[in-house]
């Protein structure tokens, strides 16, 4: 099957080409970038709704999320999650619970 390289300059969103009687759709780079952008926006929205504040029971400091606590305390976010879910007692001397 022959494949043609088609330049992206001023092309329509989708180009139709026919090879061996089969229709093949080419999506230009701009279309792919828009899809990636839309997926990223959906992920951001869904992530925000799942973020819960947590408390370090050793210091009684409240963190807005697991990621924030991990960054500030230089810990692994996965280890903090294990502590929160009861799979691990503590991580580097820190114990956590959901607020």
PDB file of N, CA and C in Angstrom:
ATOM      1  N   UNK A   1       0.848  -1.175   0.000  1.00  0.00           N
ATOM      2  CA  UNK A   1       0.000   0.000   0.000  1.00  0.00           C
ATOM      3  C   UNK A   1       0.887   1.228   0.000  1.00  0.00           C
ATOM      4  N   UNK A   2       0.657   2.118  -0.932  1.00  0.00           N
ATOM      5  CA  UNK A   2       1.423   3.355  -1.006  1.00  0.00           C
ATOM      6  C   UNK A   2       0.855   4.378  -0.042  1.00  0.00           C
ATOM      7  N   UNK A   3       1.756   5.109   0.586  1.00  0.00           N
ATOM      8  CA  UNK A   3       1.329   6.160   1.500  1.00  0.00           C
ATOM      9  C   UNK A   3       1.890   7.471   0.980  1.00  0.00           C
ATOM     10  N   UNK A   4       1.039   8.456   0.829  1.00  0.00           N
ATOM     11  CA  UNK A   4       1.473   9.776   0.381  1.00  0.00           C
ATOM     12  C   UNK A   4       1.691  10.675   1.581  1.00  0.00           C
ATOM     13  N   UNK A   5       2.733  11.463   1.529  1.00  0.00           N
ATOM     14  CA  UNK A   5       2.928  12.486   2.549  1.00  0.00           C
ATOM     15  C   UNK A   5       2.195  13.727   2.086  1.00  0.00           C
ATOM     16  N   UNK A   6       1.334  14.220   2.919  1.00  0.00           N
ATOM     17  CA  UNK A   6       0.525  15.381   2.570  1.00  0.00           C
ATOM     18  C   UNK A   6       0.925  16.537   3.477  1.00  0.00           C
ATOM     19  N   UNK A   7       1.292  17.685   2.907  1.00  0.00           N
ATOM     20  CA  UNK A   7       1.693  18.818   3.750  1.00  0.00           C
ATOM     21  C   UNK A   7       0.527  19.340   4.570  1.00  0.00           C
ATOM     22  N   UNK A   8       0.839  19.878   5.765  1.00  0.00           N
ATOM     23  CA  UNK A   8      -0.188  20.382   6.667  1.00  0.00           C
ATOM     24  C   UNK A   8      -0.623  21.807   6.356  1.00  0.00           C
ATOM     25  N   UNK A   9       0.043  22.468   5.428  1.00  0.00           N
ATOM     26  CA  UNK A   9      -0.256  23.873   5.159  1.00  0.00           C
ATOM     27  C   UNK A   9      -1.662  24.051   4.601  1.00  0.00           C
ATOM     28  N   UNK A  10      -2.473  24.773   5.320  1.00  0.00           N
ATOM     29  CA  UNK A  10      -3.811  25.190   4.891  1.00  0.00           C
ATOM     30  C   UNK A  10      -4.681  24.053   4.364  1.00  0.00           C
ATOM     31  N   UNK A  11      -4.628  22.909   4.979  1.00  0.00           N
ATOM     32  CA  UNK A  11      -5.485  21.798   4.588  1.00  0.00           C
ATOM     33  C   UNK A  11      -6.780  21.842   5.384  1.00  0.00           C
ATOM     34  N   UNK A  12      -7.807  21.214   4.867  1.00  0.00           N
ATOM     35  CA  UNK A  12      -9.039  21.078   5.625  1.00  0.00           C
ATOM     36  C   UNK A  12      -8.791  20.162   6.802  1.00  0.00           C
ATOM     37  N   UNK A  13      -9.720  20.089   7.733  1.00  0.00           N
ATOM     38  CA  UNK A  13      -9.546  19.266   8.922  1.00  0.00           C
ATOM     39  C   UNK A  13      -9.307  17.802   8.567  1.00  0.00           C
ATOM     40  N   UNK A  14     -10.044  17.287   7.642  1.00  0.00           N
ATOM     41  CA  UNK A  14      -9.867  15.881   7.271  1.00  0.00           C
ATOM     42  C   UNK A  14      -9.741  15.777   5.751  1.00  0.00           C
ATOM     43  N   UNK A  15      -8.709  15.087   5.292  1.00  0.00           N
ATOM     44  CA  UNK A  15      -8.512  14.875   3.858  1.00  0.00           C
ATOM     45  C   UNK A  15      -8.878  13.443   3.518  1.00  0.00           C
ATOM     46  N   UNK A  16      -9.565  13.302   2.395  1.00  0.00           N
ATOM     47  CA  UNK A  16      -9.937  11.956   1.969  1.00  0.00           C
ATOM     48  C   UNK A  16      -9.063  11.537   0.791  1.00  0.00           C
ATOM     49  N   UNK A  17      -8.504  10.367   0.898  1.00  0.00           N
ATOM     50  CA  UNK A  17      -7.703   9.781  -0.180  1.00  0.00           C
ATOM     51  C   UNK A  17      -8.189   8.347  -0.387  1.00  0.00           C
ATOM     52  N   UNK A  18      -8.072   7.898  -1.567  1.00  0.00           N
ATOM     53  CA  UNK A  18      -8.484   6.528  -1.859  1.00  0.00           C
ATOM     54  C   UNK A  18      -7.285   5.726  -2.341  1.00  0.00           C
ATOM     55  N   UNK A  19      -7.028   4.632  -1.647  1.00  0.00           N
ATOM     56  CA  UNK A  19      -5.995   3.699  -2.057  1.00  0.00           C
ATOM     57  C   UNK A  19      -6.625   2.324  -2.186  1.00  0.00           C
ATOM     58  N   UNK A  20      -6.422   1.675  -3.298  1.00  0.00           N
ATOM     59  CA  UNK A  20      -6.927   0.329  -3.537  1.00  0.00           C
ATOM     60  C   UNK A  20      -8.417   0.214  -3.223  1.00  0.00           C
ATOM     61  N   UNK A  21      -9.164   1.260  -3.537  1.00  0.00           N
ATOM     62  CA  UNK A  21     -10.604   1.225  -3.352  1.00  0.00           C
ATOM     63  C   UNK A  21     -11.064   1.387  -1.916  1.00  0.00           C
ATOM     64  N   UNK A  22     -10.132   1.648  -0.987  1.00  0.00           N
ATOM     65  CA  UNK A  22     -10.506   1.810   0.421  1.00  0.00           C
ATOM     66  C   UNK A  22     -10.315   3.271   0.814  1.00  0.00           C
ATOM     67  N   UNK A  23     -11.241   3.789   1.543  1.00  0.00           N
ATOM     68  CA  UNK A  23     -11.169   5.179   1.978  1.00  0.00           C
ATOM     69  C   UNK A  23     -10.302   5.271   3.229  1.00  0.00           C
ATOM     70  N   UNK A  24      -9.323   6.152   3.204  1.00  0.00           N
ATOM     71  CA  UNK A  24      -8.447   6.377   4.346  1.00  0.00           C
ATOM     72  C   UNK A  24      -8.536   7.846   4.712  1.00  0.00           C
ATOM     73  N   UNK A  25      -8.722   8.118   5.980  1.00  0.00           N
ATOM     74  CA  UNK A  25      -8.838   9.500   6.444  1.00  0.00           C
ATOM     75  C   UNK A  25      -7.521   9.939   7.053  1.00  0.00           C
ATOM     76  N   UNK A  26      -7.073  11.100   6.673  1.00  0.00           N
ATOM     77  CA  UNK A  26      -5.879  11.683   7.254  1.00  0.00           C
ATOM     78  C   UNK A  26      -6.309  12.830   8.148  1.00  0.00           C
ATOM     79  N   UNK A  27      -5.885  12.811   9.355  1.00  0.00           N
ATOM     80  CA  UNK A  27      -6.205  13.891  10.274  1.00  0.00           C
ATOM     81  C   UNK A  27      -4.950  14.735  10.416  1.00  0.00           C
ATOM     82  N   UNK A  28      -5.094  16.010  10.207  1.00  0.00           N
ATOM     83  CA  UNK A  28      -3.909  16.864  10.266  1.00  0.00           C
ATOM     84  C   UNK A  28      -3.473  17.078  11.706  1.00  0.00           C
ATOM     85  N   UNK A  29      -2.251  17.532  11.883  1.00  0.00           N
ATOM     86  CA  UNK A  29      -1.660  17.685  13.211  1.00  0.00           C
ATOM     87  C   UNK A  29      -2.498  18.592  14.098  1.00  0.00           C
ATOM     88  N   UNK A  30      -3.079  19.625  13.542  1.00  0.00           N
ATOM     89  CA  UNK A  30      -3.889  20.560  14.319  1.00  0.00           C
ATOM     90  C   UNK A  30      -5.067  19.836  14.970  1.00  0.00           C
ATOM     91  N   UNK A  31      -5.671  18.934  14.238  1.00  0.00           N
ATOM     92  CA  UNK A  31      -6.794  18.158  14.757  1.00  0.00           C
ATOM     93  C   UNK A  31      -6.337  17.283  15.930  1.00  0.00           C
ATOM     94  N   UNK A  32      -5.187  16.635  15.780  1.00  0.00           N
ATOM     95  CA  UNK A  32      -4.658  15.807  16.855  1.00  0.00           C
ATOM     96  C   UNK A  32      -4.368  16.639  18.095  1.00  0.00           C
ATOM     97  N   UNK A  33      -3.808  17.829  17.907  1.00  0.00           N
ATOM     98  CA  UNK A  33      -3.500  18.694  19.037  1.00  0.00           C
ATOM     99  C   UNK A  33      -4.774  19.130  19.755  1.00  0.00           C
ATOM    100  N   UNK A  34      -5.827  19.424  19.001  1.00  0.00           N
ATOM    101  CA  UNK A  34      -7.089  19.831  19.620  1.00  0.00           C
ATOM    102  C   UNK A  34      -7.676  18.677  20.429  1.00  0.00           C
ATOM    103  N   UNK A  35      -7.617  17.472  19.894  1.00  0.00           N
ATOM    104  CA  UNK A  35      -8.115  16.315  20.633  1.00  0.00           C
ATOM    105  C   UNK A  35      -7.327  16.126  21.921  1.00  0.00           C
ATOM    106  N   UNK A  36      -6.009  16.262  21.847  1.00  0.00           N
ATOM    107  CA  UNK A  36      -5.170  16.125  23.036  1.00  0.00           C
ATOM    108  C   UNK A  36      -5.506  17.212  24.053  1.00  0.00           C
ATOM    109  N   UNK A  37      -5.742  18.428  23.579  1.00  0.00           N
ATOM    110  CA  UNK A  37      -6.092  19.527  24.465  1.00  0.00           C
ATOM    111  C   UNK A  37      -7.424  19.252  25.164  1.00  0.00           C
ATOM    112  N   UNK A  38      -8.400  18.766  24.422  1.00  0.00           N
ATOM    113  CA  UNK A  38      -9.713  18.462  25.003  1.00  0.00           C
ATOM    114  C   UNK A  38      -9.602  17.348  26.048  1.00  0.00           C
ATOM    115  N   UNK A  39      -8.791  16.314  25.748  1.00  0.00           N
ATOM    116  CA  UNK A  39      -8.599  15.235  26.723  1.00  0.00           C
ATOM    117  C   UNK A  39      -7.939  15.756  27.992  1.00  0.00           C
ATOM    118  N   UNK A  40      -6.950  16.645  27.829  1.00  0.00           N
ATOM    119  CA  UNK A  40      -6.259  17.211  28.988  1.00  0.00           C
ATOM    120  C   UNK A  40      -7.212  18.046  29.833  1.00  0.00           C
ATOM    121  N   UNK A  41      -8.082  18.818  29.198  1.00  0.00           N
ATOM    122  CA  UNK A  41      -9.055  19.631  29.934  1.00  0.00           C
ATOM    123  C   UNK A  41     -10.030  18.748  30.707  1.00  0.00           C
ATOM    124  N   UNK A  42     -10.488  17.661  30.085  1.00  0.00           N
ATOM    125  CA  UNK A  42     -11.387  16.733  30.784  1.00  0.00           C
ATOM    126  C   UNK A  42     -10.700  16.108  31.974  1.00  0.00           C
ATOM    127  N   UNK A  43      -9.439  15.745  31.808  1.00  0.00           N
ATOM    128  CA  UNK A  43      -8.681  15.141  32.901  1.00  0.00           C
ATOM    129  C   UNK A  43      -8.513  16.121  34.053  1.00  0.00           C
ATOM    130  N   UNK A  44      -8.224  17.379  33.741  1.00  0.00           N
ATOM    131  CA  UNK A  44      -8.084  18.399  34.785  1.00  0.00           C
ATOM    132  C   UNK A  44      -9.379  18.526  35.580  1.00  0.00           C
ATOM    133  N   UNK A  45     -10.512  18.578  34.882  1.00  0.00           N
ATOM    134  CA  UNK A  45     -11.804  18.723  35.560  1.00  0.00           C
ATOM    135  C   UNK A  45     -12.090  17.518  36.445  1.00  0.00           C
ATOM    136  N   UNK A  46     -11.822  16.318  35.938  1.00  0.00           N
ATOM    137  CA  UNK A  46     -12.126  15.126  36.728  1.00  0.00           C
ATOM    138  C   UNK A  46     -11.166  14.994  37.905  1.00  0.00           C
ATOM    139  N   UNK A  47      -9.928  15.441  37.744  1.00  0.00           N
ATOM    140  CA  UNK A  47      -8.951  15.372  38.826  1.00  0.00           C
ATOM    141  C   UNK A  47      -9.325  16.327  39.949  1.00  0.00           C
ATOM    142  N   UNK A  48      -9.765  17.531  39.594  1.00  0.00           N
ATOM    143  CA  UNK A  48     -10.137  18.513  40.616  1.00  0.00           C
ATOM    144  C   UNK A  48     -11.261  17.989  41.499  1.00  0.00           C
ATOM    145  N   UNK A  49     -12.184  17.276  40.925  1.00  0.00           N
ATOM    146  CA  UNK A  49     -13.312  16.782  41.708  1.00  0.00           C
ATOM    147  C   UNK A  49     -12.899  15.644  42.653  1.00  0.00           C
ATOM    148  N   UNK A  50     -11.762  15.001  42.390  1.00  0.00           N
ATOM    149  CA  UNK A  50     -11.327  13.888  43.220  1.00  0.00           C
ATOM    150  C   UNK A  50     -10.328  14.301  44.296  1.00  0.00           C
ATOM    151  N   UNK A  51      -9.837  15.523  44.267  1.00  0.00           N
ATOM    152  CA  UNK A  51      -8.833  15.970  45.222  1.00  0.00           C
ATOM    153  C   UNK A  51      -9.481  16.189  46.584  1.00  0.00           C
ATOM    154  N   UNK A  52      -8.881  15.574  47.618  1.00  0.00           N
ATOM    155  CA  UNK A  52      -9.402  15.717  48.977  1.00  0.00           C
ATOM    156  C   UNK A  52      -8.276  16.226  49.875  1.00  0.00           C
ATOM    157  N   UNK A  53      -8.595  17.114  50.809  1.00  0.00           N
ATOM    158  CA  UNK A  53      -7.563  17.551  51.747  1.00  0.00           C
ATOM    159  C   UNK A  53      -7.168  16.418  52.692  1.00  0.00           C
ATOM    160  N   UNK A  54      -5.890  16.399  53.069  1.00  0.00           N
ATOM    161  CA  UNK A  54      -5.400  15.380  54.000  1.00  0.00           C
ATOM    162  C   UNK A  54      -4.679  16.068  55.151  1.00  0.00           C
ATOM    163  N   UNK A  55      -4.573  15.350  56.263  1.00  0.00           N
ATOM    164  CA  UNK A  55      -3.933  15.883  57.464  1.00  0.00           C
ATOM    165  C   UNK A  55      -2.783  14.966  57.857  1.00  0.00           C
ATOM    166  N   UNK A  56      -1.637  15.569  58.158  1.00  0.00           N
ATOM    167  CA  UNK A  56      -0.530  14.811  58.727  1.00  0.00           C
ATOM    168  C   UNK A  56      -0.804  14.751  60.229  1.00  0.00           C
ATOM    169  N   UNK A  57      -1.027  13.567  60.768  1.00  0.00           N
ATOM    170  CA  UNK A  57      -1.406  13.442  62.179  1.00  0.00           C
ATOM    171  C   UNK A  57      -0.232  13.705  63.123  1.00  0.00           C
ATOM    172  N   UNK A  58       0.975  13.671  62.602  1.00  0.00           N
ATOM    173  CA  UNK A  58       2.154  13.944  63.425  1.00  0.00           C
ATOM    174  C   UNK A  58       2.295  15.447  63.671  1.00  0.00           C
ATOM    175  N   UNK A  59       2.105  16.250  62.611  1.00  0.00           N
ATOM    176  CA  UNK A  59       2.285  17.706  62.714  1.00  0.00           C
ATOM    177  C   UNK A  59       0.959  18.464  62.745  1.00  0.00           C
ATOM    178  N   UNK A  60      -0.157  17.776  62.491  1.00  0.00           N
ATOM    179  CA  UNK A  60      -1.491  18.386  62.380  1.00  0.00           C
ATOM    180  C   UNK A  60      -1.565  19.451  61.292  1.00  0.00           C
ATOM    181  N   UNK A  61      -0.720  19.340  60.281  1.00  0.00           N
ATOM    182  CA  UNK A  61      -0.746  20.276  59.158  1.00  0.00           C
ATOM    183  C   UNK A  61      -1.707  19.735  58.099  1.00  0.00           C
ATOM    184  N   UNK A  62      -2.548  20.620  57.547  1.00  0.00           N
ATOM    185  CA  UNK A  62      -3.522  20.230  56.527  1.00  0.00           C
ATOM    186  C   UNK A  62      -2.945  20.549  55.147  1.00  0.00           C
ATOM    187  N   UNK A  63      -3.000  19.582  54.249  1.00  0.00           N
ATOM    188  CA  UNK A  63      -2.539  19.754  52.873  1.00  0.00           C
ATOM    189  C   UNK A  63      -3.748  19.645  51.947  1.00  0.00           C
ATOM    190  N   UNK A  64      -3.790  20.430  50.892  1.00  0.00           N
ATOM    191  CA  UNK A  64      -4.952  20.396  49.991  1.00  0.00           C
ATOM    192  C   UNK A  64      -5.072  19.096  49.192  1.00  0.00           C
ATOM    193  N   UNK A  65      -3.964  18.360  49.052  1.00  0.00           N
ATOM    194  CA  UNK A  65      -3.997  17.126  48.269  1.00  0.00           C
ATOM    195  C   UNK A  65      -2.798  16.256  48.624  1.00  0.00           C
ATOM    196  N   UNK A  66      -2.839  15.023  48.146  1.00  0.00           N
ATOM    197  CA  UNK A  66      -1.719  14.111  48.333  1.00  0.00           C
ATOM    198  C   UNK A  66      -0.485  14.657  47.632  1.00  0.00           C
ATOM    199  N   UNK A  67      -0.700  15.156  46.422  1.00  0.00           N
ATOM    200  CA  UNK A  67       0.420  15.685  45.636  1.00  0.00           C
ATOM    201  C   UNK A  67       1.101  16.850  46.347  1.00  0.00           C
ATOM    202  N   UNK A  68       0.305  17.752  46.943  1.00  0.00           N
ATOM    203  CA  UNK A  68       0.873  18.901  47.655  1.00  0.00           C
ATOM    204  C   UNK A  68       1.675  18.449  48.869  1.00  0.00           C
ATOM    205  N   UNK A  69       1.158  17.477  49.598  1.00  0.00           N
ATOM    206  CA  UNK A  69       1.867  16.957  50.766  1.00  0.00           C
ATOM    207  C   UNK A  69       3.173  16.286  50.346  1.00  0.00           C
ATOM    208  N   UNK A  70       3.111  15.506  49.287  1.00  0.00           N
ATOM    209  CA  UNK A  70       4.304  14.803  48.806  1.00  0.00           C
ATOM    210  C   UNK A  70       5.379  15.797  48.380  1.00  0.00           C
ATOM    211  N   UNK A  71       4.961  16.837  47.699  1.00  0.00           N
ATOM    212  CA  UNK A  71       5.927  17.834  47.222  1.00  0.00           C
ATOM    213  C   UNK A  71       6.566  18.582  48.391  1.00  0.00           C
ATOM    214  N   UNK A  72       5.752  19.015  49.336  1.00  0.00           N
ATOM    215  CA  UNK A  72       6.259  19.807  50.459  1.00  0.00           C
ATOM    216  C   UNK A  72       7.128  18.986  51.409  1.00  0.00           C
ATOM    217  N   UNK A  73       6.756  17.732  51.624  1.00  0.00           N
ATOM    218  CA  UNK A  73       7.489  16.882  52.566  1.00  0.00           C
ATOM    219  C   UNK A  73       8.553  16.013  51.896  1.00  0.00           C
ATOM    220  N   UNK A  74       8.671  16.127  50.572  1.00  0.00           N
ATOM    221  CA  UNK A  74       9.626  15.326  49.798  1.00  0.00           C
ATOM    222  C   UNK A  74       9.393  13.830  50.002  1.00  0.00           C
ATOM    223  N   UNK A  75       8.116  13.452  49.854  1.00  0.00           N
ATOM    224  CA  UNK A  75       7.714  12.053  49.997  1.00  0.00           C
ATOM    225  C   UNK A  75       7.133  11.559  48.683  1.00  0.00           C
ATOM    226  N   UNK A  76       6.955  10.262  48.584  1.00  0.00           N
ATOM    227  CA  UNK A  76       6.329   9.660  47.426  1.00  0.00           C
ATOM    228  C   UNK A  76       4.811   9.705  47.586  1.00  0.00           C
ATOM    229  N   UNK A  77       4.118  10.228  46.585  1.00  0.00           N
ATOM    230  CA  UNK A  77       2.659  10.335  46.650  1.00  0.00           C
ATOM    231  C   UNK A  77       2.003   8.967  46.795  1.00  0.00           C
ATOM    232  N   UNK A  78       2.573   7.953  46.169  1.00  0.00           N
ATOM    233  CA  UNK A  78       2.033   6.596  46.278  1.00  0.00           C
ATOM    234  C   UNK A  78       2.115   6.067  47.691  1.00  0.00           C
ATOM    235  N   UNK A  79       3.203   6.394  48.381  1.00  0.00           N
ATOM    236  CA  UNK A  79       3.363   5.956  49.774  1.00  0.00           C
ATOM    237  C   UNK A  79       2.333   6.644  50.665  1.00  0.00           C
ATOM    238  N   UNK A  80       2.077   7.928  50.422  1.00  0.00           N
ATOM    239  CA  UNK A  80       1.060   8.655  51.197  1.00  0.00           C
ATOM    240  C   UNK A  80      -0.309   8.024  50.956  1.00  0.00           C
ATOM    241  N   UNK A  81      -0.592   7.688  49.721  1.00  0.00           N
ATOM    242  CA  UNK A  81      -1.865   7.051  49.389  1.00  0.00           C
ATOM    243  C   UNK A  81      -2.019   5.717  50.112  1.00  0.00           C
ATOM    244  N   UNK A  82      -0.939   4.943  50.179  1.00  0.00           N
ATOM    245  CA  UNK A  82      -0.982   3.663  50.901  1.00  0.00           C
ATOM    246  C   UNK A  82      -1.287   3.866  52.379  1.00  0.00           C
ATOM    247  N   UNK A  83      -0.718   4.913  52.970  1.00  0.00           N
ATOM    248  CA  UNK A  83      -0.994   5.220  54.379  1.00  0.00           C
ATOM    249  C   UNK A  83      -2.464   5.586  54.541  1.00  0.00           C
ATOM    250  N   UNK A  84      -2.975   6.417  53.645  1.00  0.00           N
ATOM    251  CA  UNK A  84      -4.378   6.840  53.724  1.00  0.00           C
ATOM    252  C   UNK A  84      -5.350   5.671  53.570  1.00  0.00           C
ATOM    253  N   UNK A  85      -4.973   4.675  52.787  1.00  0.00           N
ATOM    254  CA  UNK A  85      -5.851   3.527  52.557  1.00  0.00           C
ATOM    255  C   UNK A  85      -5.570   2.355  53.492  1.00  0.00           C
ATOM    256  N   UNK A  86      -4.681   2.567  54.460  1.00  0.00           N
ATOM    257  CA  UNK A  86      -4.431   1.550  55.472  1.00  0.00           C
ATOM    258  C   UNK A  86      -3.530   0.411  55.039  1.00  0.00           C
ATOM    259  N   UNK A  87      -2.884   0.518  53.915  1.00  0.00           N
ATOM    260  CA  UNK A  87      -1.994  -0.536  53.443  1.00  0.00           C
ATOM    261  C   UNK A  87      -0.600  -0.408  54.031  1.00  0.00           C
ATOM    262  N   UNK A  88      -0.318   0.747  54.605  1.00  0.00           N
ATOM    263  CA  UNK A  88       0.984   1.036  55.186  1.00  0.00           C
ATOM    264  C   UNK A  88       0.733   1.900  56.414  1.00  0.00           C
ATOM    265  N   UNK A  89       1.504   1.703  57.473  1.00  0.00           N
ATOM    266  CA  UNK A  89       1.264   2.443  58.715  1.00  0.00           C
ATOM    267  C   UNK A  89       1.742   3.891  58.631  1.00  0.00           C
ATOM    268  N   UNK A  90       2.929   4.091  58.077  1.00  0.00           N
ATOM    269  CA  UNK A  90       3.466   5.451  57.950  1.00  0.00           C
ATOM    270  C   UNK A  90       4.473   5.478  56.812  1.00  0.00           C
ATOM    271  N   UNK A  91       4.876   6.677  56.433  1.00  0.00           N
ATOM    272  CA  UNK A  91       5.913   6.836  55.431  1.00  0.00           C
ATOM    273  C   UNK A  91       6.924   7.845  55.939  1.00  0.00           C
ATOM    274  N   UNK A  92       8.134   7.389  56.163  1.00  0.00           N
ATOM    275  CA  UNK A  92       9.228   8.206  56.700  1.00  0.00           C
ATOM    276  C   UNK A  92       8.793   8.969  57.962  1.00  0.00           C
ATOM    277  N   UNK A  93       8.050   8.285  58.831  1.00  0.00           N
ATOM    278  CA  UNK A  93       7.629   8.863  60.107  1.00  0.00           C
ATOM    279  C   UNK A  93       6.376   9.714  60.054  1.00  0.00           C
ATOM    280  N   UNK A  94       5.793   9.876  58.886  1.00  0.00           N
ATOM    281  CA  UNK A  94       4.580  10.680  58.735  1.00  0.00           C
ATOM    282  C   UNK A  94       3.368   9.780  58.628  1.00  0.00           C
ATOM    283  N   UNK A  95       2.311  10.118  59.358  1.00  0.00           N
ATOM    284  CA  UNK A  95       1.042   9.407  59.266  1.00  0.00           C
ATOM    285  C   UNK A  95       0.006  10.392  58.750  1.00  0.00           C
ATOM    286  N   UNK A  96      -0.903   9.905  57.912  1.00  0.00           N
ATOM    287  CA  UNK A  96      -1.884  10.781  57.290  1.00  0.00           C
ATOM    288  C   UNK A  96      -3.287  10.220  57.439  1.00  0.00           C
ATOM    289  N   UNK A  97      -4.269  11.123  57.344  1.00  0.00           N
ATOM    290  CA  UNK A  97      -5.681  10.744  57.272  1.00  0.00           C
ATOM    291  C   UNK A  97      -6.390  11.798  56.452  1.00  0.00           C
ATOM    292  N   UNK A  98      -7.542  11.406  55.906  1.00  0.00           N
ATOM    293  CA  UNK A  98      -8.345  12.382  55.177  1.00  0.00           C
ATOM    294  C   UNK A  98      -9.009  13.324  56.162  1.00  0.00           C
ATOM    295  N   UNK A  99      -9.145  14.567  55.767  1.00  0.00           N
ATOM    296  CA  UNK A  99      -9.738  15.569  56.660  1.00  0.00           C
ATOM    297  C   UNK A  99     -11.230  15.376  56.764  1.00  0.00           C
TER     298      UNK A  99
END
